[in-house]
C-alpha cells in the first residue's frame, strides 16, 4: 500500500513542479519567442485553452472504457508532446495548435485523476490521499515557480526554452511514475456497457444538483487570482506587494495544513464538512467587503486583509479535498469517468468566465461583488446539506477502515 501511495504522490509533485515552471511565464514565453504582442498572445492562448472543454468529456468516455490510469498517462504524454512542439512555434497558427493540444491533455486530467484516486483508495484513505495530493501539488507549484523566476531573471531565449523542455520532460516522468503503479481497485469496476452514455449522468439528478452547487464555490475559488489583486490595489489603495504576500499565505497554508486538517475532518460527514468549508469562504468574502467600507488606516487594512485571507484558506482546507472525495464517491463505479467529467464542467466554466464576470461585478460595486459571492457560496452550503439524504450514503459517511492483519 505504501509503495503505490509514494509513487502516486511523487508523480503529483513532478507534475505540479513542471506546471509551476511554465504557468508564470506562459504569456511571456510566446511573446518573447514569436514577437507577437501580449494582447494577441492572450487571445490565442484563450482560444486554444477552450480545447480543454473538448478533452474533458472525451476523457470521461475513455476512463469508463480503458481505466483511469491509462487516461492519466495518456493525458500526460499528450501534454508532453504539445510542449515538445513549443520550441518550433514561429507563427500565430503554430502557437494556437500547440496550445490547443496541451489544453486537450489538461482537460483530461481532472476526471481521470479523480477516477484513479477512487480506484486505489476508499473511505478515509481517499480523503487523506486527496489531502496529501493538494498539499504536495501546492509545494510543487511553488518550486516550479522559483525555477520560472530564475528564467525570467535571465531573460534569454535559452532560459525560456529550458523551462518549456523541462515542463515537457516533467510530464513524461510523471507518466512513467503513474504508469508504474500496480494496484487492486478498492471498488472493482464492473465491465458492463455504459448504456445511454452521458444521458445516464444527466438523468442522475442528485449528482447533477451536486455539480450545480459547486458553480458558486468555483467562482469563489477564483477571487485570489482574478478579483483580489484588483480590489486590493485599486479599491483599497494597498501596495501591490501585499497581493503576493496574501497569495503566499494561501498557498503555503494549503501546503502545510491540508494533511493535518483533513486527518481531523474525516470523522465527520463529507457533506457537512464541504458545506462548512463553503460557509467559511463566504465569511471571508464578507470581511473583504467590510474592508472597502470601514478601513480607515493601513493597520486596519493589513489586519483585515490577512484575517480574510486566513479565513478563505481555512474554508479551502475544509472544502477542497473533502469535496473531491464526496464527488468521486457519489459517482457510480461503472460510469465514474463520465460523471466526473460532467462535474469538472462546474470548475471549467467558472474558471473561463470568472475574469469577465468578476470584473463586470466590480465595475458596479466592489463591495457588492464580495456580497454576491458570499451569498452564492452560502446558498450552496445550505443546499448541499438539504441534498445530503439523496446522495449515496457511502459517499456521505466515510467508511471506517478495517485493520489489516500484519
Protein backbone atom coordinates (compact mmCIF):
# COMPACT_ATOMS: atom_id res chain seq x y z
CA UNK A 1 0.00 0.00 0.00
CA UNK A 2 2.72 2.47 0.95
CA UNK A 3 4.55 1.70 -2.32
CA UNK A 4 1.75 2.81 -4.64
CA UNK A 5 0.95 5.77 -2.38
CA UNK A 6 4.55 7.01 -2.54
CA UNK A 7 4.68 6.59 -6.32
CA UNK A 8 1.36 8.34 -6.82
CA UNK A 9 2.31 11.34 -4.70
CA UNK A 10 5.75 11.52 -6.31
CA UNK A 11 4.03 11.69 -9.70
CA UNK A 12 1.83 14.53 -8.47
CA UNK A 13 4.84 16.51 -7.24
CA UNK A 14 6.68 16.05 -10.54
CA UNK A 15 3.56 17.05 -12.47
CA UNK A 16 2.96 20.17 -10.36
CA UNK A 17 6.61 21.24 -10.49
CA UNK A 18 6.52 21.13 -14.27
CA UNK A 19 3.27 23.10 -14.39
CA UNK A 20 4.62 25.60 -11.86
CA UNK A 21 7.66 26.21 -14.05
CA UNK A 22 5.58 27.20 -17.04
CA UNK A 23 2.42 28.86 -15.73
CA UNK A 24 4.03 32.13 -14.54
CA UNK A 25 5.63 32.81 -17.92
CA UNK A 26 3.13 31.30 -20.38
CA UNK A 27 2.19 34.66 -21.92
CA UNK A 28 5.73 35.96 -21.81
CA UNK A 29 7.15 32.84 -23.47
CA UNK A 30 5.27 33.19 -26.75
CA UNK A 31 5.63 36.98 -26.69
CA UNK A 32 9.39 36.59 -26.24
CA UNK A 33 9.88 33.78 -28.78
CA UNK A 34 7.45 34.77 -31.54
CA UNK A 35 7.43 38.55 -31.18
CA UNK A 36 3.63 38.61 -31.16
CA UNK A 37 2.02 41.28 -29.00
CA UNK A 38 0.92 40.37 -25.48
CA UNK A 39 -2.69 41.08 -26.44
CA UNK A 40 -2.59 38.75 -29.46
CA UNK A 41 -0.83 36.04 -27.47
CA UNK A 42 -3.53 36.31 -24.81
CA UNK A 43 -6.34 35.90 -27.36
CA UNK A 44 -4.64 32.91 -28.99
CA UNK A 45 -3.97 31.24 -25.64
CA UNK A 46 -7.59 31.71 -24.57
CA UNK A 47 -8.86 30.27 -27.87
CA UNK A 48 -6.52 27.29 -27.57
CA UNK A 49 -7.37 26.74 -23.93
CA UNK A 50 -11.03 26.23 -24.84
CA UNK A 51 -10.00 22.83 -26.20
CA UNK A 52 -9.72 21.68 -22.58
CA UNK A 53 -13.52 21.58 -22.72
CA UNK A 54 -13.15 19.01 -25.52
CA UNK A 55 -10.61 16.88 -23.67
CA UNK A 56 -12.83 16.67 -20.60
CA UNK A 57 -15.81 14.66 -22.00
CA UNK A 58 -13.51 12.54 -24.15
CA UNK A 59 -11.57 11.62 -21.03
CA UNK A 60 -14.78 10.58 -19.27
CA UNK A 61 -15.60 8.07 -22.01
CA UNK A 62 -12.04 6.74 -22.14
CA UNK A 63 -11.85 6.30 -18.36
CA UNK A 64 -15.01 4.17 -18.39
CA UNK A 65 -13.70 2.12 -21.30
CA UNK A 66 -9.98 1.72 -20.63
CA UNK A 67 -9.49 2.62 -16.97
CA UNK A 68 -8.31 5.76 -15.19
CA UNK A 69 -4.58 5.05 -15.08
CA UNK A 70 -4.33 4.68 -18.86
CA UNK A 71 -6.08 8.02 -19.40
CA UNK A 72 -3.91 9.82 -16.82
CA UNK A 73 -0.77 8.52 -18.53
CA UNK A 74 -2.13 9.33 -21.99
CA UNK A 75 -3.01 12.86 -20.92
CA UNK A 76 0.50 13.43 -19.60
CA UNK A 77 2.03 12.23 -22.86
CA UNK A 78 -0.28 14.44 -24.94
CA UNK A 79 0.80 17.47 -22.90
CA UNK A 80 4.46 16.46 -23.13
CA UNK A 81 4.18 16.22 -26.92
CA UNK A 82 2.50 19.62 -27.03
CA UNK A 83 5.30 21.21 -25.02
CA UNK A 84 7.78 19.48 -27.31
CA UNK A 85 6.28 21.49 -30.17
CA UNK A 86 6.61 24.84 -28.37
CA UNK A 87 10.27 25.49 -29.32
CA UNK A 88 9.32 25.13 -33.01
CA UNK A 89 6.43 27.62 -32.89
CA UNK A 90 7.10 30.61 -35.17
CA UNK A 91 3.61 31.77 -36.11
CA UNK A 92 0.19 32.51 -34.65
CA UNK A 93 -1.29 29.34 -36.21
CA UNK A 94 1.50 27.15 -34.85
CA UNK A 95 1.07 28.65 -31.40
CA UNK A 96 -2.68 28.05 -31.45
CA UNK A 97 -2.29 24.39 -32.46
CA UNK A 98 0.37 23.69 -29.82
CA UNK A 99 -1.63 25.38 -27.06
CA UNK A 100 -4.80 23.54 -28.13
CA UNK A 101 -3.01 20.18 -27.95
CA UNK A 102 -1.75 20.89 -24.44
CA UNK A 103 -5.26 22.05 -23.47
CA UNK A 104 -6.78 18.73 -24.58
CA UNK A 105 -4.33 16.97 -22.25
CA UNK A 106 -5.14 19.44 -19.48
CA UNK A 107 -8.85 18.78 -19.87
CA UNK A 108 -8.35 15.06 -19.41
CA UNK A 109 -6.55 15.43 -16.09
CA UNK A 110 -9.25 16.14 -13.51
CA UNK A 111 -11.79 13.41 -14.38
CA UNK A 112 -9.06 10.80 -14.89
CA UNK A 113 -7.01 11.59 -11.78
CA UNK A 114 -10.10 11.69 -9.54
CA UNK A 115 -11.20 8.35 -11.01
CA UNK A 116 -7.74 6.91 -10.33
CA UNK A 117 -7.89 8.04 -6.69
CA UNK A 118 -11.33 6.44 -6.38
CA UNK A 119 -9.90 3.21 -7.82
CA UNK A 120 -6.96 2.95 -5.44
CA UNK A 121 -8.32 4.35 -2.15
CA UNK A 122 -11.58 4.13 -0.25
CA UNK A 123 -13.16 5.55 2.88
CA UNK A 124 -10.98 7.87 4.96
CA UNK A 125 -7.91 6.85 2.94
CA UNK A 126 -9.43 8.54 -0.11
CA UNK A 127 -9.82 11.85 1.76
CA UNK A 128 -6.29 11.61 3.18
CA UNK A 129 -4.76 10.81 -0.20
CA UNK A 130 -6.52 13.77 -1.81
CA UNK A 131 -5.33 15.98 1.05
CA UNK A 132 -1.73 14.86 0.58
CA UNK A 133 -2.10 15.44 -3.15
CA UNK A 134 -3.33 19.02 -2.66
CA UNK A 135 -0.57 19.75 -0.17
CA UNK A 136 2.27 18.37 -2.27
CA UNK A 137 0.95 19.86 -5.51
CA UNK A 138 0.97 23.31 -3.89
CA UNK A 139 4.58 22.71 -2.86
CA UNK A 140 5.44 21.54 -6.37
CA UNK A 141 3.82 24.58 -7.96
CA UNK A 142 5.84 26.80 -5.65
CA UNK A 143 9.09 25.03 -6.50
CA UNK A 144 8.35 25.31 -10.21
CA UNK A 145 7.55 28.99 -9.76
CA UNK A 146 11.01 29.57 -8.30
CA UNK A 147 12.57 27.99 -11.40
CA UNK A 148 10.40 30.24 -13.57
CA UNK A 149 11.52 33.28 -11.57
CA UNK A 150 15.12 32.40 -12.36
CA UNK A 151 14.33 32.09 -16.07
CA UNK A 152 12.59 35.46 -16.08
CA UNK A 153 15.63 37.00 -14.40
CA UNK A 154 17.94 35.66 -17.12
CA UNK A 155 15.50 36.64 -19.86
CA UNK A 156 17.37 34.76 -22.63
CA UNK A 157 15.89 32.52 -25.31
CA UNK A 158 17.82 29.57 -23.88
CA UNK A 159 16.35 30.08 -20.41
CA UNK A 160 12.81 30.15 -21.77
CA UNK A 161 13.42 27.02 -23.84
CA UNK A 162 14.90 25.17 -20.87
CA UNK A 163 11.72 25.85 -18.90
CA UNK A 164 9.48 24.62 -21.73
CA UNK A 165 11.52 21.48 -22.37
CA UNK A 166 11.77 20.88 -18.62
CA UNK A 167 7.98 21.09 -18.33
CA UNK A 168 7.53 18.54 -21.13
CA UNK A 169 10.05 16.19 -19.52
CA UNK A 170 8.29 16.55 -16.17
CA UNK A 171 5.06 15.32 -17.76
CA UNK A 172 6.90 12.37 -19.34
CA UNK A 173 8.40 11.47 -15.97
CA UNK A 174 5.00 11.80 -14.27
CA UNK A 175 3.53 9.46 -16.92
CA UNK A 176 6.25 6.88 -16.22
CA UNK A 177 5.73 7.08 -12.45
CA UNK A 178 1.93 6.86 -12.55
CA UNK A 179 2.06 4.16 -15.22
CA UNK A 180 4.28 2.04 -12.95
CA UNK A 181 1.67 1.95 -10.16
CA UNK A 182 0.21 -1.52 -9.64
CA UNK A 183 -2.92 -1.75 -7.54
CA UNK A 184 -6.04 -3.75 -6.92
CA UNK A 185 -9.05 -1.41 -7.28
CA UNK A 186 -10.64 -0.59 -3.93
CA UNK A 187 -14.04 -0.96 -5.58
CA UNK A 188 -13.68 -3.32 -8.57
CA UNK A 189 -15.12 -1.86 -11.74
CA UNK A 190 -17.89 -3.88 -13.35
CA UNK A 191 -17.06 -4.01 -17.05
CA UNK A 192 -20.55 -3.57 -18.47
CA UNK A 193 -21.57 -1.28 -21.31
CA UNK A 194 -22.47 2.20 -20.08
CA UNK A 195 -25.88 2.38 -21.74
CA UNK A 196 -27.06 5.84 -22.56
CA UNK A 197 -23.60 7.37 -22.29
CA UNK A 198 -23.75 10.89 -20.88
CA UNK A 199 -27.55 10.68 -20.76
CA UNK A 200 -27.06 8.36 -17.79
CA UNK A 201 -25.21 11.14 -15.98
CA UNK A 202 -27.78 13.78 -16.86
CA UNK A 203 -30.52 11.52 -15.52
CA UNK A 204 -28.74 11.25 -12.15
CA UNK A 205 -30.48 14.26 -10.61
CA UNK A 206 -28.76 14.21 -7.19
CA UNK A 207 -25.35 14.16 -8.86
CA UNK A 208 -26.34 16.93 -11.28
CA UNK A 209 -27.52 19.04 -8.34
CA UNK A 210 -24.22 18.36 -6.57
CA UNK A 211 -22.47 19.56 -9.72
CA UNK A 212 -24.60 22.70 -9.98
CA UNK A 213 -23.99 23.57 -6.33
CA UNK A 214 -20.27 23.68 -6.98
CA UNK A 215 -20.55 26.53 -9.50
CA UNK A 216 -20.81 29.39 -6.95
CA UNK A 217 -17.94 27.90 -4.95
CA UNK A 218 -15.80 27.59 -8.09
CA UNK A 219 -16.34 31.29 -8.78
CA UNK A 220 -15.30 31.91 -5.18
CA UNK A 221 -12.07 29.98 -5.65
CA UNK A 222 -11.11 32.33 -8.49
CA UNK A 223 -11.00 35.50 -6.40
CA UNK A 224 -7.37 35.19 -5.32
CA UNK A 225 -6.15 35.08 -8.90
CA UNK A 226 -8.71 37.40 -10.55
CA UNK A 227 -10.56 39.78 -8.22
CA UNK A 228 -8.35 40.21 -5.16
CA UNK A 229 -5.32 41.81 -6.88
CA UNK A 230 -7.53 44.46 -8.49
CA UNK A 231 -9.58 45.04 -5.33
CA UNK A 232 -6.56 45.35 -3.03
CA UNK A 233 -4.61 47.72 -5.24
CA UNK A 234 -7.25 49.89 -6.94
CA UNK A 235 -10.16 49.88 -4.49
CA UNK A 236 -8.29 49.80 -1.18
CA UNK A 237 -5.12 51.57 -2.34
CA UNK A 238 -2.80 48.94 -0.84
CA UNK A 239 0.70 48.36 -2.25
CA UNK A 240 0.98 45.71 -4.96
CA UNK A 241 3.40 43.72 -2.79
CA UNK A 242 0.53 42.88 -0.45
CA UNK A 243 -1.12 40.82 -3.21
CA UNK A 244 1.84 38.45 -3.45
CA UNK A 245 2.03 38.17 0.33
CA UNK A 246 -1.65 37.24 0.63
CA UNK A 247 -1.27 34.69 -2.17
CA UNK A 248 1.70 33.19 -0.35
CA UNK A 249 -0.34 32.93 2.87
CA UNK A 250 -2.92 30.89 0.98
CA UNK A 251 -0.57 28.58 -0.92
CA UNK A 252 1.78 27.94 1.99
CA UNK A 253 -1.18 27.41 4.30
CA UNK A 254 -2.61 24.75 1.97
CA UNK A 255 0.78 23.06 1.59
CA UNK A 256 1.42 22.88 5.35
CA UNK A 257 -2.04 22.34 6.81
CA UNK A 258 -4.11 20.34 4.31
CA UNK A 259 -2.98 16.93 5.58
CA UNK A 260 -3.49 17.52 9.33
CA UNK A 261 -6.79 19.35 8.78
CA UNK A 262 -8.18 16.53 6.64
CA UNK A 263 -7.00 13.86 9.09
CA UNK A 264 -9.08 15.64 11.72
CA UNK A 265 -12.13 16.15 9.48
CA UNK A 266 -12.50 12.52 8.30
CA UNK A 267 -14.52 11.81 11.45
CA UNK A 268 -17.36 13.98 10.12
CA UNK A 269 -19.77 13.51 7.23
CA UNK A 270 -18.31 14.75 3.96
CA UNK A 271 -21.37 16.82 3.09
CA UNK A 272 -21.26 18.71 6.38
CA UNK A 273 -17.52 19.40 6.11
CA UNK A 274 -17.83 20.54 2.48
CA UNK A 275 -20.77 22.81 3.35
CA UNK A 276 -18.96 24.24 6.38
CA UNK A 277 -15.91 24.99 4.23
CA UNK A 278 -18.06 26.87 1.71
CA UNK A 279 -19.69 28.82 4.55
CA UNK A 280 -16.30 29.85 5.96
CA UNK A 281 -15.27 31.05 2.49
CA UNK A 282 -18.47 33.11 2.49
CA UNK A 283 -17.47 34.72 5.80
CA UNK A 284 -14.09 35.63 4.33
CA UNK A 285 -15.85 37.42 1.47
CA UNK A 286 -17.92 39.44 3.95
CA UNK A 287 -14.68 40.51 5.67
CA UNK A 288 -13.19 41.55 2.33
CA UNK A 289 -16.36 43.55 1.61
CA UNK A 290 -16.18 45.24 5.01
CA UNK A 291 -12.62 46.42 4.30
CA UNK A 292 -13.94 48.59 1.50
CA UNK A 293 -16.37 50.26 3.88
CA UNK A 294 -14.65 50.55 7.26
CA UNK A 295 -10.90 50.54 6.60
CA UNK A 296 -9.52 53.90 7.62
CA UNK A 297 -5.87 53.13 8.27
CA UNK A 298 -3.07 50.97 6.94
CA UNK A 299 -3.10 48.87 10.11
CA UNK A 300 -6.82 48.08 9.79
CA UNK A 301 -6.35 47.24 6.11
CA UNK A 302 -3.44 44.87 6.76
CA UNK A 303 -5.08 43.09 9.68
CA UNK A 304 -8.38 42.76 7.83
CA UNK A 305 -6.76 41.52 4.61
CA UNK A 306 -4.71 38.89 6.43
CA UNK A 307 -7.73 37.81 8.52
CA UNK A 308 -9.93 37.47 5.42
CA UNK A 309 -7.22 35.52 3.57
CA UNK A 310 -6.72 33.23 6.57
CA UNK A 311 -10.48 32.55 6.67
CA UNK A 312 -10.51 31.88 2.93
CA UNK A 313 -7.61 29.46 3.36
CA UNK A 314 -9.36 27.68 6.23
CA UNK A 315 -12.51 27.32 4.13
CA UNK A 316 -10.46 25.93 1.26
CA UNK A 317 -8.73 23.47 3.60
CA UNK A 318 -12.13 22.22 4.76
CA UNK A 319 -13.76 22.20 1.33
CA UNK A 320 -11.15 21.17 -1.24
CA UNK A 321 -10.07 17.60 -0.55
CA UNK A 322 -13.36 16.65 1.11
CA UNK A 323 -15.48 17.89 -1.80
CA UNK A 324 -13.32 15.90 -4.24
CA UNK A 325 -13.75 12.75 -2.15
CA UNK A 326 -17.51 13.36 -1.88
CA UNK A 327 -17.95 13.73 -5.63
CA UNK A 328 -15.79 10.76 -6.64
CA UNK A 329 -17.63 8.61 -4.07
CA UNK A 330 -21.04 9.79 -5.28
CA UNK A 331 -20.26 8.79 -8.88
CA UNK A 332 -21.42 5.25 -9.81
CA UNK A 333 -18.44 2.98 -10.42
CA UNK A 334 -19.49 1.84 -13.90
CA UNK A 335 -19.76 5.40 -15.27
CA UNK A 336 -17.42 7.20 -12.91
CA UNK A 337 -15.37 8.72 -15.71
CA UNK A 338 -18.41 10.29 -17.36
CA UNK A 339 -19.82 11.52 -14.05
CA UNK A 340 -16.57 13.17 -13.02
CA UNK A 341 -16.18 14.66 -16.48
CA UNK A 342 -19.58 16.36 -16.16
CA UNK A 343 -18.71 17.55 -12.66
CA UNK A 344 -15.48 19.07 -13.95
CA UNK A 345 -17.52 21.50 -16.06
CA UNK A 346 -18.63 23.10 -12.77
CA UNK A 347 -14.98 24.14 -12.42
CA UNK A 348 -14.05 24.72 -16.05
CA UNK A 349 -16.91 27.08 -16.93
CA UNK A 350 -16.48 29.38 -13.89
CA UNK A 351 -12.73 29.39 -14.47
CA UNK A 352 -13.28 30.58 -18.04
CA UNK A 353 -15.96 33.13 -17.14
CA UNK A 354 -14.54 34.45 -13.86
CA UNK A 355 -12.31 37.20 -15.31
CA UNK A 356 -15.22 38.74 -17.23
CA UNK A 357 -17.93 38.16 -14.60
CA UNK A 358 -15.95 39.30 -11.57
CA UNK A 359 -14.54 42.41 -13.22
CA UNK A 360 -18.04 43.26 -14.51
CA UNK A 361 -19.45 42.97 -10.98
CA UNK A 362 -16.60 45.08 -9.62
CA UNK A 363 -17.33 47.91 -12.04
CA UNK A 364 -20.79 48.24 -10.49
CA UNK A 365 -19.76 47.80 -6.87
CA UNK A 366 -16.66 46.23 -5.39
CA UNK A 367 -18.44 45.68 -2.08
CA UNK A 368 -21.44 44.29 -3.90
CA UNK A 369 -19.23 41.78 -5.74
CA UNK A 370 -17.99 40.31 -2.46
CA UNK A 371 -21.52 40.15 -1.05
CA UNK A 372 -22.84 38.41 -4.19
CA UNK A 373 -20.05 35.84 -3.92
CA UNK A 374 -20.75 35.38 -0.20
CA UNK A 375 -24.45 34.85 -0.87
CA UNK A 376 -23.67 32.34 -3.61
CA UNK A 377 -21.36 30.11 -1.56
CA UNK A 378 -23.64 30.32 1.50
CA UNK A 379 -26.67 29.28 -0.54
CA UNK A 380 -24.61 26.43 -1.99
CA UNK A 381 -23.64 25.26 1.51
CA UNK A 382 -27.24 25.26 2.74
CA UNK A 383 -28.49 23.46 -0.37
CA UNK A 384 -25.79 20.80 -0.02
CA UNK A 385 -26.99 19.95 3.48
CA UNK A 386 -30.54 19.58 2.13
CA UNK A 387 -29.26 17.39 -0.73
CA UNK A 388 -27.46 15.06 1.69
CA UNK A 389 -30.28 12.44 2.09
CA UNK A 390 -30.46 11.99 -1.70
CA UNK A 391 -26.77 11.19 -2.13
CA UNK A 392 -25.30 7.68 -1.75
CA UNK A 393 -24.66 7.14 1.94
CA UNK A 394 -21.25 5.59 1.25
CA UNK A 395 -20.30 8.97 -0.23
CA UNK A 396 -21.69 11.00 2.65
CA UNK A 397 -20.41 8.91 5.55
CA UNK A 398 -16.73 7.99 5.49
CA UNK A 399 -16.16 4.28 6.00
CA UNK A 400 -14.00 3.35 8.97
CA UNK A 401 -11.00 1.40 7.66
CA UNK A 402 -10.79 -2.21 8.79
CA UNK A 403 -7.38 -3.07 10.31
CA UNK A 404 -5.43 -5.46 8.08
CA UNK A 405 -3.55 -8.43 9.54
CA UNK A 406 0.19 -8.00 9.70
